[in-house]
Amino acid sequence: MIKAFKMTVYEGQEKEYERRHNLLWPEMKELIHSHGGHAYSIFLDKETRTLFAYIEIEDESRWAETADTEINRKWWDYMADIMETNPDNSPVCTDLDMVFHLD
């Protein structure tokens, strides 16, 4: 299953967002993989500061379980100062609907 969603990074924080992801914690990598996430990519539209995320997951409910893990919540807290977040520090995400796919 493919998931895509968008988020927003604060103005002037684009490089810091990229830096933090380039240094992604080993625990976060393990969490993503252990919950069936693969081929995770995030793209930045520099004009709008919109982040477009793409991930292949094995199971929607298994993937949803990541939100309730200690390491994921720690990551959200770590990222909250540079991007739009909800009151619990989860990123403000808008799911995107697939309209075309070609293998």
N, C-alpha and C. Protein backbone atom coordinates (compact mmCIF):
# COMPACT_ATOMS: atom_id res chain seq x y z
N MET A 1 0.85 -1.17 0.00
CA MET A 1 0.00 0.00 0.00
C MET A 1 0.90 1.24 0.00
N ILE A 2 0.51 2.24 -0.76
CA ILE A 2 1.25 3.50 -0.83
C ILE A 2 0.46 4.57 -0.09
N LYS A 3 1.16 5.34 0.74
CA LYS A 3 0.56 6.48 1.43
C LYS A 3 1.31 7.73 0.98
N ALA A 4 0.58 8.81 0.84
CA ALA A 4 1.19 10.10 0.55
C ALA A 4 0.46 11.15 1.38
N PHE A 5 1.22 12.11 1.87
CA PHE A 5 0.63 13.17 2.67
C PHE A 5 1.52 14.40 2.58
N LYS A 6 0.94 15.54 2.99
CA LYS A 6 1.72 16.77 2.97
C LYS A 6 1.74 17.39 4.36
N MET A 7 2.82 18.13 4.61
CA MET A 7 3.05 18.84 5.87
C MET A 7 3.67 20.18 5.50
N THR A 8 3.93 21.02 6.48
CA THR A 8 4.53 22.33 6.22
C THR A 8 5.67 22.59 7.19
N VAL A 9 6.80 23.02 6.65
CA VAL A 9 7.94 23.42 7.46
C VAL A 9 7.91 24.95 7.59
N TYR A 10 8.31 25.45 8.75
CA TYR A 10 8.31 26.89 8.96
C TYR A 10 9.35 27.58 8.08
N GLU A 11 9.04 28.82 7.72
CA GLU A 11 9.94 29.62 6.90
C GLU A 11 11.30 29.72 7.58
N GLY A 12 12.34 29.51 6.81
CA GLY A 12 13.71 29.59 7.32
C GLY A 12 14.20 28.32 7.99
N GLN A 13 13.34 27.31 8.10
CA GLN A 13 13.70 26.05 8.77
C GLN A 13 13.88 24.88 7.79
N GLU A 14 13.88 25.16 6.51
CA GLU A 14 13.98 24.12 5.50
C GLU A 14 15.28 23.32 5.63
N LYS A 15 16.38 24.02 5.77
CA LYS A 15 17.69 23.34 5.88
C LYS A 15 17.78 22.53 7.18
N GLU A 16 17.24 23.08 8.25
CA GLU A 16 17.26 22.37 9.53
C GLU A 16 16.40 21.11 9.45
N TYR A 17 15.25 21.19 8.78
CA TYR A 17 14.40 20.01 8.59
C TYR A 17 15.19 18.92 7.86
N GLU A 18 15.84 19.31 6.79
CA GLU A 18 16.64 18.34 6.03
C GLU A 18 17.79 17.78 6.87
N ARG A 19 18.47 18.64 7.61
CA ARG A 19 19.59 18.20 8.44
C ARG A 19 19.13 17.15 9.46
N ARG A 20 18.04 17.43 10.14
CA ARG A 20 17.55 16.49 11.15
C ARG A 20 17.18 15.15 10.54
N HIS A 21 16.61 15.17 9.35
CA HIS A 21 16.26 13.90 8.70
C HIS A 21 17.49 13.17 8.17
N ASN A 22 18.49 13.90 7.77
CA ASN A 22 19.74 13.25 7.34
C ASN A 22 20.44 12.56 8.50
N LEU A 23 20.12 12.98 9.73
CA LEU A 23 20.68 12.38 10.94
C LEU A 23 19.61 11.56 11.68
N LEU A 24 18.65 11.02 10.94
CA LEU A 24 17.54 10.28 11.54
C LEU A 24 18.05 9.26 12.54
N TRP A 25 17.45 9.29 13.72
CA TRP A 25 17.86 8.39 14.79
C TRP A 25 17.70 6.93 14.35
N PRO A 26 18.66 6.08 14.72
CA PRO A 26 18.53 4.65 14.41
C PRO A 26 17.23 4.05 14.95
N GLU A 27 16.78 4.53 16.11
CA GLU A 27 15.53 4.03 16.70
C GLU A 27 14.32 4.36 15.82
N MET A 28 14.34 5.51 15.16
CA MET A 28 13.25 5.88 14.26
C MET A 28 13.28 5.01 13.01
N LYS A 29 14.47 4.77 12.47
CA LYS A 29 14.59 3.89 11.31
C LYS A 29 14.03 2.51 11.64
N GLU A 30 14.41 1.99 12.80
CA GLU A 30 13.93 0.68 13.23
C GLU A 30 12.42 0.69 13.40
N LEU A 31 11.87 1.73 14.00
CA LEU A 31 10.42 1.83 14.19
C LEU A 31 9.69 1.80 12.85
N ILE A 32 10.15 2.58 11.91
CA ILE A 32 9.52 2.63 10.59
C ILE A 32 9.53 1.24 9.94
N HIS A 33 10.70 0.62 9.94
CA HIS A 33 10.81 -0.70 9.31
C HIS A 33 10.03 -1.78 10.07
N SER A 34 10.06 -1.73 11.39
CA SER A 34 9.38 -2.77 12.18
C SER A 34 7.85 -2.67 12.08
N HIS A 35 7.36 -1.52 11.64
CA HIS A 35 5.92 -1.35 11.46
C HIS A 35 5.52 -1.38 9.98
N GLY A 36 6.40 -1.95 9.16
CA GLY A 36 6.06 -2.19 7.76
C GLY A 36 6.24 -1.03 6.82
N GLY A 37 7.05 -0.03 7.20
CA GLY A 37 7.30 1.11 6.32
C GLY A 37 8.55 0.90 5.48
N HIS A 38 8.45 1.21 4.19
CA HIS A 38 9.57 1.06 3.25
C HIS A 38 9.53 2.22 2.25
N ALA A 39 10.64 2.46 1.63
CA ALA A 39 10.73 3.45 0.54
C ALA A 39 10.12 4.80 0.96
N TYR A 40 10.52 5.27 2.14
CA TYR A 40 9.99 6.53 2.68
C TYR A 40 10.79 7.69 2.10
N SER A 41 10.12 8.59 1.44
CA SER A 41 10.75 9.78 0.87
C SER A 41 9.94 11.00 1.23
N ILE A 42 10.63 12.12 1.46
CA ILE A 42 9.97 13.40 1.72
C ILE A 42 10.58 14.42 0.76
N PHE A 43 9.73 15.16 0.10
CA PHE A 43 10.15 16.18 -0.87
C PHE A 43 9.70 17.54 -0.37
N LEU A 44 10.43 18.58 -0.74
CA LEU A 44 10.12 19.95 -0.34
C LEU A 44 9.81 20.80 -1.55
N ASP A 45 8.66 21.48 -1.51
CA ASP A 45 8.34 22.53 -2.49
C ASP A 45 8.86 23.82 -1.87
N LYS A 46 9.97 24.33 -2.37
CA LYS A 46 10.62 25.49 -1.77
C LYS A 46 9.77 26.75 -1.83
N GLU A 47 8.92 26.87 -2.82
CA GLU A 47 8.08 28.07 -2.95
C GLU A 47 7.02 28.15 -1.86
N THR A 48 6.47 27.00 -1.46
CA THR A 48 5.37 27.00 -0.49
C THR A 48 5.77 26.41 0.87
N ARG A 49 6.98 25.85 0.96
CA ARG A 49 7.48 25.16 2.16
C ARG A 49 6.62 23.93 2.48
N THR A 50 5.94 23.42 1.46
CA THR A 50 5.13 22.22 1.63
C THR A 50 6.03 21.00 1.50
N LEU A 51 5.89 20.09 2.45
CA LEU A 51 6.60 18.83 2.43
C LEU A 51 5.65 17.77 1.88
N PHE A 52 6.08 17.03 0.89
CA PHE A 52 5.30 15.93 0.33
C PHE A 52 5.98 14.63 0.72
N ALA A 53 5.26 13.78 1.43
CA ALA A 53 5.82 12.52 1.92
C ALA A 53 5.20 11.35 1.18
N TYR A 54 6.02 10.36 0.87
CA TYR A 54 5.61 9.13 0.20
C TYR A 54 6.18 7.97 0.99
N ILE A 55 5.35 6.99 1.31
CA ILE A 55 5.83 5.79 2.00
C ILE A 55 5.02 4.59 1.54
N GLU A 56 5.71 3.48 1.42
CA GLU A 56 5.04 2.22 1.14
C GLU A 56 4.92 1.48 2.47
N ILE A 57 3.70 1.05 2.78
CA ILE A 57 3.45 0.35 4.04
C ILE A 57 2.81 -1.01 3.76
N GLU A 58 2.98 -1.91 4.70
CA GLU A 58 2.43 -3.25 4.55
C GLU A 58 0.99 -3.34 5.04
N ASP A 59 0.64 -2.57 6.07
CA ASP A 59 -0.68 -2.67 6.68
C ASP A 59 -1.02 -1.35 7.35
N GLU A 60 -2.18 -0.80 7.04
CA GLU A 60 -2.58 0.51 7.58
C GLU A 60 -2.67 0.52 9.10
N SER A 61 -3.28 -0.50 9.69
CA SER A 61 -3.44 -0.52 11.14
C SER A 61 -2.10 -0.69 11.85
N ARG A 62 -1.24 -1.51 11.29
CA ARG A 62 0.10 -1.69 11.86
C ARG A 62 0.88 -0.37 11.80
N TRP A 63 0.78 0.33 10.68
CA TRP A 63 1.47 1.61 10.53
C TRP A 63 0.92 2.64 11.53
N ALA A 64 -0.38 2.65 11.73
CA ALA A 64 -1.01 3.61 12.66
C ALA A 64 -0.51 3.43 14.09
N GLU A 65 -0.08 2.24 14.44
CA GLU A 65 0.43 1.97 15.78
C GLU A 65 1.69 2.78 16.10
N THR A 66 2.41 3.25 15.11
CA THR A 66 3.64 4.01 15.36
C THR A 66 3.35 5.29 16.14
N ALA A 67 2.17 5.86 15.95
CA ALA A 67 1.83 7.12 16.61
C ALA A 67 1.85 7.01 18.13
N ASP A 68 1.61 5.83 18.65
CA ASP A 68 1.53 5.66 20.10
C ASP A 68 2.82 5.13 20.72
N THR A 69 3.91 5.20 19.98
CA THR A 69 5.18 4.72 20.53
C THR A 69 5.97 5.87 21.16
N GLU A 70 6.76 5.53 22.15
CA GLU A 70 7.57 6.54 22.84
C GLU A 70 8.56 7.22 21.90
N ILE A 71 9.21 6.45 21.04
CA ILE A 71 10.21 7.04 20.15
C ILE A 71 9.57 7.98 19.13
N ASN A 72 8.39 7.62 18.63
CA ASN A 72 7.72 8.50 17.68
C ASN A 72 7.31 9.81 18.34
N ARG A 73 6.78 9.74 19.55
CA ARG A 73 6.39 10.97 20.26
C ARG A 73 7.61 11.83 20.58
N LYS A 74 8.72 11.19 20.87
CA LYS A 74 9.97 11.93 21.11
C LYS A 74 10.41 12.65 19.83
N TRP A 75 10.26 11.97 18.68
CA TRP A 75 10.60 12.59 17.39
C TRP A 75 9.69 13.78 17.11
N TRP A 76 8.39 13.61 17.37
CA TRP A 76 7.46 14.73 17.17
C TRP A 76 7.87 15.92 18.01
N ASP A 77 8.21 15.70 19.27
CA ASP A 77 8.65 16.79 20.15
C ASP A 77 9.90 17.47 19.60
N TYR A 78 10.81 16.66 19.08
CA TYR A 78 12.07 17.16 18.52
C TYR A 78 11.83 18.04 17.29
N MET A 79 10.82 17.72 16.50
CA MET A 79 10.55 18.43 15.25
C MET A 79 9.57 19.60 15.42
N ALA A 80 8.90 19.69 16.55
CA ALA A 80 7.82 20.66 16.72
C ALA A 80 8.23 22.12 16.56
N ASP A 81 9.48 22.44 16.81
CA ASP A 81 9.90 23.84 16.72
C ASP A 81 10.15 24.30 15.29
N ILE A 82 10.14 23.38 14.32
CA ILE A 82 10.45 23.78 12.95
C ILE A 82 9.35 23.49 11.94
N MET A 83 8.20 22.97 12.41
CA MET A 83 7.12 22.67 11.47
C MET A 83 5.76 22.82 12.13
N GLU A 84 4.73 22.92 11.31
CA GLU A 84 3.37 23.03 11.83
C GLU A 84 2.99 21.73 12.53
N THR A 85 2.47 21.88 13.77
CA THR A 85 2.11 20.71 14.55
C THR A 85 0.74 20.89 15.20
N ASN A 86 0.18 19.77 15.61
CA ASN A 86 -1.04 19.73 16.40
C ASN A 86 -0.69 19.94 17.87
N PRO A 87 -1.67 20.10 18.75
CA PRO A 87 -1.39 20.30 20.17
C PRO A 87 -0.54 19.20 20.82
N ASP A 88 -0.60 17.97 20.28
CA ASP A 88 0.22 16.89 20.84
C ASP A 88 1.60 16.79 20.18
N ASN A 89 1.95 17.80 19.37
CA ASN A 89 3.21 17.89 18.63
C ASN A 89 3.28 16.97 17.42
N SER A 90 2.22 16.23 17.12
CA SER A 90 2.22 15.47 15.87
C SER A 90 2.18 16.48 14.72
N PRO A 91 2.82 16.15 13.61
CA PRO A 91 2.78 17.09 12.49
C PRO A 91 1.38 17.24 11.93
N VAL A 92 1.05 18.44 11.52
CA VAL A 92 -0.21 18.65 10.82
C VAL A 92 -0.03 18.01 9.44
N CYS A 93 -0.80 16.96 9.18
CA CYS A 93 -0.69 16.19 7.94
C CYS A 93 -2.02 16.20 7.20
N THR A 94 -1.93 16.28 5.90
CA THR A 94 -3.09 16.13 5.05
C THR A 94 -2.83 14.95 4.13
N ASP A 95 -3.65 13.90 4.26
CA ASP A 95 -3.50 12.76 3.37
C ASP A 95 -3.83 13.17 1.96
N LEU A 96 -3.11 12.60 1.01
CA LEU A 96 -3.34 12.86 -0.40
C LEU A 96 -3.90 11.61 -1.06
N ASP A 97 -4.83 11.79 -1.99
CA ASP A 97 -5.42 10.68 -2.71
C ASP A 97 -4.61 10.37 -3.96
N MET A 98 -4.35 9.11 -4.18
CA MET A 98 -3.64 8.69 -5.39
C MET A 98 -4.59 8.81 -6.57
N VAL A 99 -4.14 9.45 -7.63
CA VAL A 99 -4.94 9.56 -8.83
C VAL A 99 -4.28 8.87 -10.02
N PHE A 100 -3.00 8.46 -9.84
CA PHE A 100 -2.30 7.74 -10.90
C PHE A 100 -1.11 7.02 -10.31
N HIS A 101 -0.87 5.81 -10.78
CA HIS A 101 0.32 5.05 -10.38
C HIS A 101 0.76 4.17 -11.54
N LEU A 102 2.06 4.11 -11.79
CA LEU A 102 2.62 3.26 -12.84
C LEU A 102 3.82 2.54 -12.28
N ASP A 103 3.82 1.22 -12.34
CA ASP A 103 5.00 0.43 -11.93
C ASP A 103 5.96 0.32 -13.08
